[in-house]
Amino acid sequence: MRILWAALLGSLGVYVAVLMLGAPEPAEQAGPEMIVALVASAVFCAVISFLLPRLLLRKALAAQTFETVEVPDPDASVMFRDATPMVRAFADPEAVERKLGALSFAPFIISLALSEAIGAFGLVLGLTGAPVEVVAGFFATSAVLIAIRFPRPKAALAQAATTLGVKLGPAR
């Protein structure tokens, strides 16, 4: 997943290179209507890039059954030895991590694609002669959205635990 992440982040550099080195001069400048429409599309893509993958992952997690066990709550204060509060924990966290790798792949790809689309909007604006400041804003926004989605398996496990109401052990 990290190779794909790096490739999409690097594609923004290709977009900049195309604009700087090989873009023909546009016949006419991009009108304000086009800029406004692509800004609105970029905002929509940015918002959906957070909401849709989370929704898809929650649905995928809800359809799964992970074996859990009751364990003493490591964060609870215990006043009496026999009254230790219990919480649910994953019986095999490594198996859950492996399963999450498969379950989270499609939502991850969708979030990256929507984030990268913002850079593509910037490329379109650059090719149509929009001001450099506007184009740079699209590229910067896209780069930030892709960068914050660096794949972290432990974060995915924590999200799954929160979604399923399961506590992670102290080793996590």
N, C-alpha and C. Protein backbone atom coordinates (compact mmCIF):
# COMPACT_ATOMS: atom_id res chain seq x y z
N MET A 1 0.82 -1.19 0.00
CA MET A 1 0.00 0.00 0.00
C MET A 1 0.87 1.26 0.00
N ARG A 2 2.04 1.17 0.62
CA ARG A 2 2.91 2.34 0.68
C ARG A 2 3.46 2.71 -0.69
N ILE A 3 3.67 1.72 -1.54
CA ILE A 3 4.17 2.00 -2.89
C ILE A 3 3.10 2.76 -3.68
N LEU A 4 1.88 2.31 -3.56
CA LEU A 4 0.77 3.00 -4.23
C LEU A 4 0.62 4.42 -3.71
N TRP A 5 0.71 4.59 -2.41
CA TRP A 5 0.62 5.91 -1.79
C TRP A 5 1.71 6.82 -2.35
N ALA A 6 2.94 6.32 -2.40
CA ALA A 6 4.05 7.13 -2.90
C ALA A 6 3.88 7.45 -4.39
N ALA A 7 3.35 6.50 -5.15
CA ALA A 7 3.14 6.74 -6.58
C ALA A 7 2.12 7.85 -6.82
N LEU A 8 1.04 7.84 -6.06
CA LEU A 8 0.03 8.88 -6.24
C LEU A 8 0.53 10.23 -5.76
N LEU A 9 1.32 10.24 -4.69
CA LEU A 9 1.91 11.49 -4.25
C LEU A 9 2.91 12.00 -5.29
N GLY A 10 3.66 11.09 -5.86
CA GLY A 10 4.62 11.46 -6.91
C GLY A 10 3.96 11.92 -8.19
N SER A 11 2.76 11.47 -8.45
CA SER A 11 2.06 11.89 -9.67
C SER A 11 1.83 13.40 -9.68
N LEU A 12 1.71 13.98 -8.50
CA LEU A 12 1.55 15.44 -8.44
C LEU A 12 2.79 16.14 -8.97
N GLY A 13 3.95 15.55 -8.72
CA GLY A 13 5.18 16.09 -9.28
C GLY A 13 5.20 16.00 -10.80
N VAL A 14 4.63 14.94 -11.33
CA VAL A 14 4.52 14.80 -12.79
C VAL A 14 3.61 15.88 -13.35
N TYR A 15 2.51 16.16 -12.65
CA TYR A 15 1.60 17.22 -13.09
C TYR A 15 2.32 18.57 -13.15
N VAL A 16 3.10 18.86 -12.12
CA VAL A 16 3.85 20.13 -12.09
C VAL A 16 4.86 20.16 -13.24
N ALA A 17 5.54 19.03 -13.46
CA ALA A 17 6.52 18.98 -14.56
C ALA A 17 5.84 19.19 -15.92
N VAL A 18 4.67 18.60 -16.10
CA VAL A 18 3.95 18.79 -17.36
C VAL A 18 3.62 20.26 -17.57
N LEU A 19 3.17 20.91 -16.51
CA LEU A 19 2.82 22.33 -16.64
C LEU A 19 4.04 23.21 -16.87
N MET A 20 5.14 22.88 -16.24
CA MET A 20 6.33 23.72 -16.35
C MET A 20 7.11 23.47 -17.64
N LEU A 21 7.14 22.23 -18.09
CA LEU A 21 8.01 21.88 -19.21
C LEU A 21 7.30 21.68 -20.53
N GLY A 22 6.10 21.17 -20.50
CA GLY A 22 5.53 20.78 -21.78
C GLY A 22 4.14 21.27 -22.07
N ALA A 23 3.60 22.14 -21.26
CA ALA A 23 2.23 22.58 -21.49
C ALA A 23 2.18 23.64 -22.58
N PRO A 24 1.36 23.46 -23.58
CA PRO A 24 1.22 24.50 -24.61
C PRO A 24 0.47 25.70 -24.03
N GLU A 25 0.68 26.84 -24.62
CA GLU A 25 -0.04 28.04 -24.19
C GLU A 25 -1.52 27.88 -24.57
N PRO A 26 -2.42 28.12 -23.63
CA PRO A 26 -3.85 27.97 -23.95
C PRO A 26 -4.31 29.08 -24.89
N ALA A 27 -5.31 28.75 -25.71
CA ALA A 27 -5.86 29.73 -26.65
C ALA A 27 -6.57 30.85 -25.89
N GLU A 28 -7.20 30.50 -24.77
CA GLU A 28 -7.85 31.51 -23.94
C GLU A 28 -7.73 31.11 -22.49
N GLN A 29 -7.82 32.09 -21.62
CA GLN A 29 -7.68 31.86 -20.18
C GLN A 29 -8.92 31.16 -19.62
N ALA A 30 -8.71 30.41 -18.54
CA ALA A 30 -9.84 29.79 -17.85
C ALA A 30 -10.70 30.88 -17.24
N GLY A 31 -11.98 30.78 -17.47
CA GLY A 31 -12.90 31.78 -16.93
C GLY A 31 -13.15 31.55 -15.45
N PRO A 32 -13.66 32.57 -14.78
CA PRO A 32 -13.94 32.42 -13.35
C PRO A 32 -14.98 31.34 -13.06
N GLU A 33 -15.88 31.10 -14.02
CA GLU A 33 -16.89 30.06 -13.82
C GLU A 33 -16.23 28.68 -13.71
N MET A 34 -15.23 28.46 -14.57
CA MET A 34 -14.54 27.17 -14.53
C MET A 34 -13.76 27.00 -13.23
N ILE A 35 -13.13 28.08 -12.80
CA ILE A 35 -12.37 28.01 -11.54
C ILE A 35 -13.31 27.72 -10.38
N VAL A 36 -14.42 28.41 -10.32
CA VAL A 36 -15.39 28.21 -9.24
C VAL A 36 -15.93 26.78 -9.27
N ALA A 37 -16.25 26.29 -10.48
CA ALA A 37 -16.78 24.92 -10.59
C ALA A 37 -15.76 23.89 -10.12
N LEU A 38 -14.50 24.07 -10.47
CA LEU A 38 -13.48 23.10 -10.05
C LEU A 38 -13.13 23.25 -8.58
N VAL A 39 -13.22 24.45 -8.03
CA VAL A 39 -13.02 24.62 -6.59
C VAL A 39 -14.14 23.90 -5.84
N ALA A 40 -15.38 24.06 -6.30
CA ALA A 40 -16.51 23.36 -5.66
C ALA A 40 -16.33 21.85 -5.78
N SER A 41 -15.89 21.39 -6.93
CA SER A 41 -15.65 19.95 -7.11
C SER A 41 -14.54 19.46 -6.20
N ALA A 42 -13.51 20.27 -6.04
CA ALA A 42 -12.39 19.89 -5.17
C ALA A 42 -12.82 19.81 -3.71
N VAL A 43 -13.62 20.77 -3.28
CA VAL A 43 -14.12 20.74 -1.89
C VAL A 43 -14.99 19.50 -1.69
N PHE A 44 -15.84 19.20 -2.64
CA PHE A 44 -16.68 18.01 -2.56
C PHE A 44 -15.81 16.75 -2.48
N CYS A 45 -14.80 16.64 -3.34
CA CYS A 45 -13.90 15.47 -3.32
C CYS A 45 -13.17 15.36 -1.99
N ALA A 46 -12.73 16.50 -1.46
CA ALA A 46 -12.00 16.48 -0.17
C ALA A 46 -12.90 15.96 0.95
N VAL A 47 -14.12 16.43 1.00
CA VAL A 47 -15.04 16.00 2.06
C VAL A 47 -15.39 14.51 1.88
N ILE A 48 -15.72 14.13 0.67
CA ILE A 48 -16.08 12.74 0.40
C ILE A 48 -14.90 11.81 0.63
N SER A 49 -13.68 12.30 0.42
CA SER A 49 -12.50 11.44 0.62
C SER A 49 -12.33 11.04 2.08
N PHE A 50 -12.96 11.75 2.98
CA PHE A 50 -12.94 11.36 4.39
C PHE A 50 -14.17 10.52 4.75
N LEU A 51 -15.33 10.91 4.25
CA LEU A 51 -16.57 10.26 4.66
C LEU A 51 -16.79 8.89 4.02
N LEU A 52 -16.62 8.79 2.71
CA LEU A 52 -16.93 7.55 2.01
C LEU A 52 -16.04 6.37 2.45
N PRO A 53 -14.72 6.53 2.53
CA PRO A 53 -13.91 5.39 2.99
C PRO A 53 -14.26 4.94 4.41
N ARG A 54 -14.53 5.89 5.28
CA ARG A 54 -14.89 5.53 6.66
C ARG A 54 -16.20 4.73 6.68
N LEU A 55 -17.17 5.17 5.88
CA LEU A 55 -18.45 4.45 5.80
C LEU A 55 -18.24 3.04 5.25
N LEU A 56 -17.46 2.93 4.18
CA LEU A 56 -17.20 1.60 3.59
C LEU A 56 -16.49 0.68 4.56
N LEU A 57 -15.52 1.20 5.30
CA LEU A 57 -14.79 0.37 6.26
C LEU A 57 -15.70 -0.06 7.41
N ARG A 58 -16.54 0.84 7.87
CA ARG A 58 -17.48 0.48 8.94
C ARG A 58 -18.42 -0.63 8.50
N LYS A 59 -18.91 -0.53 7.27
CA LYS A 59 -19.81 -1.58 6.74
C LYS A 59 -19.07 -2.90 6.62
N ALA A 60 -17.83 -2.85 6.14
CA ALA A 60 -17.04 -4.08 6.00
C ALA A 60 -16.74 -4.69 7.36
N LEU A 61 -16.44 -3.86 8.35
CA LEU A 61 -16.16 -4.38 9.70
C LEU A 61 -17.42 -4.96 10.33
N ALA A 62 -18.55 -4.33 10.09
CA ALA A 62 -19.81 -4.83 10.67
C ALA A 62 -20.17 -6.20 10.12
N ALA A 63 -19.74 -6.48 8.89
CA ALA A 63 -20.06 -7.77 8.27
C ALA A 63 -19.12 -8.88 8.73
N GLN A 64 -18.06 -8.53 9.44
CA GLN A 64 -17.07 -9.51 9.90
C GLN A 64 -17.37 -9.94 11.33
N THR A 65 -16.88 -11.12 11.66
CA THR A 65 -16.94 -11.56 13.04
C THR A 65 -15.51 -11.85 13.49
N PHE A 66 -15.09 -11.13 14.48
CA PHE A 66 -13.76 -11.33 15.05
C PHE A 66 -13.92 -11.94 16.43
N GLU A 67 -13.11 -12.94 16.73
CA GLU A 67 -13.19 -13.59 18.03
C GLU A 67 -12.66 -12.64 19.09
N THR A 68 -13.47 -12.47 20.14
CA THR A 68 -13.07 -11.60 21.24
C THR A 68 -13.09 -12.38 22.55
N VAL A 69 -12.37 -11.87 23.51
CA VAL A 69 -12.32 -12.47 24.84
C VAL A 69 -12.54 -11.37 25.87
N GLU A 70 -12.99 -11.77 27.04
CA GLU A 70 -13.15 -10.84 28.15
C GLU A 70 -11.84 -10.82 28.93
N VAL A 71 -11.28 -9.62 29.10
CA VAL A 71 -10.03 -9.46 29.84
C VAL A 71 -10.20 -8.34 30.87
N PRO A 72 -9.38 -8.34 31.90
CA PRO A 72 -9.45 -7.23 32.87
C PRO A 72 -9.08 -5.91 32.18
N ASP A 73 -9.81 -4.87 32.51
CA ASP A 73 -9.56 -3.55 31.93
C ASP A 73 -8.26 -2.99 32.49
N PRO A 74 -7.24 -2.79 31.65
CA PRO A 74 -5.96 -2.31 32.15
C PRO A 74 -6.01 -0.85 32.60
N ASP A 75 -7.02 -0.09 32.16
CA ASP A 75 -7.12 1.33 32.51
C ASP A 75 -8.02 1.59 33.71
N ALA A 76 -8.71 0.56 34.19
CA ALA A 76 -9.65 0.76 35.29
C ALA A 76 -8.93 0.74 36.63
N SER A 77 -9.45 1.52 37.55
CA SER A 77 -8.90 1.47 38.90
C SER A 77 -9.62 0.35 39.66
N VAL A 78 -8.85 -0.46 40.33
CA VAL A 78 -9.41 -1.62 41.01
C VAL A 78 -9.30 -1.38 42.51
N MET A 79 -10.46 -1.45 43.16
CA MET A 79 -10.47 -1.26 44.60
C MET A 79 -10.47 -2.61 45.32
N PHE A 80 -11.11 -3.59 44.71
CA PHE A 80 -11.17 -4.91 45.32
C PHE A 80 -10.65 -5.92 44.31
N ARG A 81 -9.91 -6.88 44.79
CA ARG A 81 -9.28 -7.85 43.92
C ARG A 81 -10.29 -8.64 43.08
N ASP A 82 -11.42 -8.95 43.63
CA ASP A 82 -12.37 -9.79 42.90
C ASP A 82 -13.38 -8.98 42.08
N ALA A 83 -13.28 -7.66 42.05
CA ALA A 83 -14.24 -6.83 41.32
C ALA A 83 -13.57 -6.10 40.15
N THR A 84 -12.65 -6.74 39.48
CA THR A 84 -11.95 -6.12 38.37
C THR A 84 -12.91 -5.94 37.19
N PRO A 85 -13.02 -4.72 36.66
CA PRO A 85 -13.87 -4.52 35.48
C PRO A 85 -13.30 -5.26 34.27
N MET A 86 -14.19 -5.80 33.48
CA MET A 86 -13.77 -6.57 32.31
C MET A 86 -14.14 -5.80 31.04
N VAL A 87 -13.33 -5.98 29.99
CA VAL A 87 -13.59 -5.39 28.68
C VAL A 87 -13.36 -6.45 27.62
N ARG A 88 -13.93 -6.21 26.43
CA ARG A 88 -13.69 -7.13 25.32
C ARG A 88 -12.39 -6.75 24.64
N ALA A 89 -11.63 -7.77 24.22
CA ALA A 89 -10.38 -7.57 23.48
C ALA A 89 -10.33 -8.60 22.36
N PHE A 90 -9.58 -8.29 21.31
CA PHE A 90 -9.42 -9.25 20.23
C PHE A 90 -8.65 -10.46 20.74
N ALA A 91 -9.13 -11.66 20.43
CA ALA A 91 -8.45 -12.87 20.85
C ALA A 91 -7.12 -13.02 20.10
N ASP A 92 -7.10 -12.65 18.82
CA ASP A 92 -5.89 -12.76 18.00
C ASP A 92 -5.70 -11.46 17.23
N PRO A 93 -5.04 -10.45 17.83
CA PRO A 93 -4.88 -9.16 17.16
C PRO A 93 -4.14 -9.25 15.82
N GLU A 94 -3.21 -10.20 15.70
CA GLU A 94 -2.46 -10.34 14.44
C GLU A 94 -3.39 -10.79 13.30
N ALA A 95 -4.32 -11.70 13.62
CA ALA A 95 -5.29 -12.15 12.61
C ALA A 95 -6.21 -11.00 12.21
N VAL A 96 -6.56 -10.17 13.18
CA VAL A 96 -7.40 -9.01 12.89
C VAL A 96 -6.64 -8.05 11.98
N GLU A 97 -5.36 -7.83 12.26
CA GLU A 97 -4.54 -6.95 11.41
C GLU A 97 -4.48 -7.47 9.97
N ARG A 98 -4.29 -8.78 9.82
CA ARG A 98 -4.24 -9.36 8.46
C ARG A 98 -5.57 -9.15 7.74
N LYS A 99 -6.66 -9.38 8.44
CA LYS A 99 -7.99 -9.21 7.84
C LYS A 99 -8.24 -7.74 7.51
N LEU A 100 -7.78 -6.84 8.37
CA LEU A 100 -7.96 -5.42 8.11
C LEU A 100 -7.21 -4.97 6.87
N GLY A 101 -6.07 -5.60 6.59
CA GLY A 101 -5.33 -5.26 5.39
C GLY A 101 -6.19 -5.45 4.15
N ALA A 102 -6.93 -6.54 4.13
CA ALA A 102 -7.81 -6.80 2.98
C ALA A 102 -9.05 -5.90 3.01
N LEU A 103 -9.62 -5.71 4.19
CA LEU A 103 -10.85 -4.92 4.29
C LEU A 103 -10.62 -3.44 4.03
N SER A 104 -9.46 -2.93 4.38
CA SER A 104 -9.23 -1.49 4.27
C SER A 104 -8.62 -1.08 2.94
N PHE A 105 -8.31 -2.04 2.06
CA PHE A 105 -7.65 -1.69 0.80
C PHE A 105 -8.54 -0.84 -0.10
N ALA A 106 -9.77 -1.26 -0.33
CA ALA A 106 -10.67 -0.50 -1.21
C ALA A 106 -10.96 0.90 -0.65
N PRO A 107 -11.30 1.04 0.64
CA PRO A 107 -11.49 2.40 1.16
C PRO A 107 -10.24 3.27 1.05
N PHE A 108 -9.07 2.65 1.22
CA PHE A 108 -7.81 3.39 1.10
C PHE A 108 -7.63 3.90 -0.33
N ILE A 109 -7.88 3.04 -1.30
CA ILE A 109 -7.75 3.43 -2.71
C ILE A 109 -8.73 4.55 -3.04
N ILE A 110 -9.95 4.44 -2.56
CA ILE A 110 -10.95 5.47 -2.83
C ILE A 110 -10.52 6.81 -2.24
N SER A 111 -10.01 6.80 -1.01
CA SER A 111 -9.58 8.06 -0.39
C SER A 111 -8.41 8.67 -1.15
N LEU A 112 -7.48 7.84 -1.61
CA LEU A 112 -6.35 8.36 -2.39
C LEU A 112 -6.82 8.89 -3.75
N ALA A 113 -7.71 8.17 -4.40
CA ALA A 113 -8.18 8.61 -5.72
C ALA A 113 -8.92 9.94 -5.63
N LEU A 114 -9.76 10.09 -4.63
CA LEU A 114 -10.47 11.36 -4.47
C LEU A 114 -9.51 12.50 -4.13
N SER A 115 -8.50 12.20 -3.35
CA SER A 115 -7.50 13.22 -3.01
C SER A 115 -6.67 13.60 -4.24
N GLU A 116 -6.32 12.62 -5.04
CA GLU A 116 -5.52 12.87 -6.23
C GLU A 116 -6.32 13.58 -7.31
N ALA A 117 -7.63 13.40 -7.31
CA ALA A 117 -8.49 14.08 -8.28
C ALA A 117 -8.38 15.59 -8.14
N ILE A 118 -8.15 16.06 -6.94
CA ILE A 118 -8.00 17.50 -6.72
C ILE A 118 -6.78 18.01 -7.47
N GLY A 119 -5.69 17.24 -7.45
CA GLY A 119 -4.51 17.60 -8.23
C GLY A 119 -4.79 17.58 -9.72
N ALA A 120 -5.62 16.63 -10.17
CA ALA A 120 -5.99 16.58 -11.59
C ALA A 120 -6.80 17.81 -11.98
N PHE A 121 -7.66 18.28 -11.07
CA PHE A 121 -8.38 19.53 -11.33
C PHE A 121 -7.40 20.68 -11.49
N GLY A 122 -6.37 20.70 -10.67
CA GLY A 122 -5.34 21.73 -10.79
C GLY A 122 -4.60 21.64 -12.11
N LEU A 123 -4.34 20.42 -12.57
CA LEU A 123 -3.70 20.23 -13.87
C LEU A 123 -4.58 20.79 -14.99
N VAL A 124 -5.87 20.50 -14.93
CA VAL A 124 -6.80 21.01 -15.94
C VAL A 124 -6.79 22.54 -15.93
N LEU A 125 -6.83 23.12 -14.75
CA LEU A 125 -6.80 24.58 -14.66
C LEU A 125 -5.49 25.14 -15.19
N GLY A 126 -4.39 24.46 -14.88
CA GLY A 126 -3.10 24.91 -15.38
C GLY A 126 -3.02 24.86 -16.89
N LEU A 127 -3.58 23.81 -17.46
CA LEU A 127 -3.56 23.67 -18.92
C LEU A 127 -4.49 24.66 -19.61
N THR A 128 -5.46 25.18 -18.88
CA THR A 128 -6.38 26.16 -19.46
C THR A 128 -5.99 27.59 -19.11
N GLY A 129 -4.82 27.76 -18.51
CA GLY A 129 -4.30 29.10 -18.28
C GLY A 129 -4.77 29.80 -17.03
N ALA A 130 -5.17 29.07 -16.02
CA ALA A 130 -5.57 29.68 -14.75
C ALA A 130 -4.34 30.27 -14.06
N PRO A 131 -4.53 31.22 -13.15
CA PRO A 131 -3.39 31.79 -12.43
C PRO A 131 -2.61 30.72 -11.66
N VAL A 132 -1.30 30.91 -11.60
CA VAL A 132 -0.43 29.94 -10.94
C VAL A 132 -0.82 29.75 -9.47
N GLU A 133 -1.25 30.81 -8.80
CA GLU A 133 -1.62 30.71 -7.39
C GLU A 133 -2.80 29.76 -7.19
N VAL A 134 -3.74 29.80 -8.11
CA VAL A 134 -4.91 28.92 -8.02
C VAL A 134 -4.48 27.48 -8.25
N VAL A 135 -3.68 27.25 -9.27
CA VAL A 135 -3.22 25.90 -9.61
C VAL A 135 -2.40 25.33 -8.45
N ALA A 136 -1.52 26.15 -7.88
CA ALA A 136 -0.67 25.70 -6.77
C ALA A 136 -1.53 25.32 -5.56
N GLY A 137 -2.64 26.02 -5.35
CA GLY A 137 -3.54 25.68 -4.25
C GLY A 137 -4.14 24.29 -4.41
N PHE A 138 -4.49 23.95 -5.62
CA PHE A 138 -5.04 22.61 -5.89
C PHE A 138 -3.97 21.55 -5.63
N PHE A 139 -2.76 21.79 -6.13
CA PHE A 139 -1.69 20.81 -5.93
C PHE A 139 -1.34 20.66 -4.46
N ALA A 140 -1.28 21.78 -3.73
CA ALA A 140 -0.94 21.71 -2.31
C ALA A 140 -2.02 20.97 -1.52
N THR A 141 -3.26 21.27 -1.82
CA THR A 141 -4.37 20.58 -1.13
C THR A 141 -4.33 19.09 -1.40
N SER A 142 -4.12 18.72 -2.65
CA SER A 142 -4.04 17.31 -3.01
C SER A 142 -2.87 16.63 -2.30
N ALA A 143 -1.72 17.29 -2.29
CA ALA A 143 -0.54 16.70 -1.64
C ALA A 143 -0.76 16.50 -0.15
N VAL A 144 -1.38 17.46 0.50
CA VAL A 144 -1.65 17.33 1.94
C VAL A 144 -2.63 16.18 2.19
N LEU A 145 -3.68 16.11 1.41
CA LEU A 145 -4.67 15.04 1.61
C LEU A 145 -4.08 13.66 1.36
N ILE A 146 -3.20 13.54 0.38
CA ILE A 146 -2.54 12.25 0.15
C ILE A 146 -1.55 11.96 1.26
N ALA A 147 -0.78 12.97 1.67
CA ALA A 147 0.25 12.76 2.69
C ALA A 147 -0.34 12.31 4.02
N ILE A 148 -1.49 12.84 4.40
CA ILE A 148 -2.07 12.44 5.69
C ILE A 148 -2.65 11.04 5.66
N ARG A 149 -2.74 10.46 4.49
CA ARG A 149 -3.27 9.10 4.37
C ARG A 149 -2.17 8.06 4.27
N PHE A 150 -0.99 8.39 4.79
CA PHE A 150 0.10 7.42 4.80
C PHE A 150 -0.39 6.16 5.51
N PRO A 151 -0.23 4.98 4.88
CA PRO A 151 -0.79 3.75 5.46
C PRO A 151 -0.11 3.38 6.78
N ARG A 152 -0.93 3.26 7.82
CA ARG A 152 -0.45 2.87 9.14
C ARG A 152 -1.35 1.73 9.65
N PRO A 153 -0.85 0.49 9.63
CA PRO A 153 -1.68 -0.65 10.06
C PRO A 153 -2.16 -0.53 11.51
N LYS A 154 -1.34 0.00 12.39
CA LYS A 154 -1.75 0.11 13.80
C LYS A 154 -2.92 1.08 13.96
N ALA A 155 -2.94 2.13 13.15
CA ALA A 155 -4.06 3.08 13.20
C ALA A 155 -5.34 2.40 12.70
N ALA A 156 -5.21 1.56 11.68
CA ALA A 156 -6.39 0.83 11.18
C ALA A 156 -6.91 -0.13 12.24
N LEU A 157 -6.00 -0.77 12.98
CA LEU A 157 -6.42 -1.68 14.05
C LEU A 157 -7.13 -0.90 15.15
N ALA A 158 -6.62 0.27 15.50
CA ALA A 158 -7.26 1.10 16.52
C ALA A 158 -8.64 1.55 16.07
N GLN A 159 -8.79 1.90 14.78
CA GLN A 159 -10.10 2.30 14.27
C GLN A 159 -11.07 1.12 14.31
N ALA A 160 -10.59 -0.06 13.97
CA ALA A 160 -11.46 -1.24 14.01
C ALA A 160 -11.89 -1.53 15.44
N ALA A 161 -10.98 -1.40 16.38
CA ALA A 161 -11.32 -1.65 17.78
C ALA A 161 -12.37 -0.66 18.26
N THR A 162 -12.21 0.59 17.89
CA THR A 162 -13.18 1.60 18.29
C THR A 162 -14.55 1.33 17.67
N THR A 163 -14.54 0.98 16.38
CA THR A 163 -15.79 0.70 15.67
C THR A 163 -16.52 -0.48 16.27
N LEU A 164 -15.76 -1.52 16.64
CA LEU A 164 -16.37 -2.75 17.16
C LEU A 164 -16.56 -2.74 18.67
N GLY A 165 -16.10 -1.67 19.34
CA GLY A 165 -16.25 -1.60 20.79
C GLY A 165 -15.35 -2.56 21.52
N VAL A 166 -14.14 -2.77 21.00
CA VAL A 166 -13.19 -3.70 21.59
C VAL A 166 -11.98 -2.89 22.04
N LYS A 167 -11.41 -3.27 23.17
CA LYS A 167 -10.26 -2.57 23.70
C LYS A 167 -8.98 -3.25 23.24
N LEU A 168 -8.01 -2.44 22.85
CA LEU A 168 -6.71 -2.99 22.49
C LEU A 168 -5.89 -3.23 23.74
N GLY A 169 -5.09 -4.25 23.70
CA GLY A 169 -4.24 -4.58 24.86
C GLY A 169 -3.14 -3.56 25.05
N PRO A 170 -2.40 -3.64 26.15
CA PRO A 170 -1.35 -2.68 26.43
C PRO A 170 -0.20 -2.74 25.43
N ALA A 171 -0.01 -3.85 24.74
CA ALA A 171 1.09 -3.96 23.77
C ALA A 171 0.80 -3.17 22.50
N ARG A 172 -0.43 -2.74 22.30
CA ARG A 172 -0.80 -2.05 21.07
C ARG A 172 -0.67 -0.59 21.25
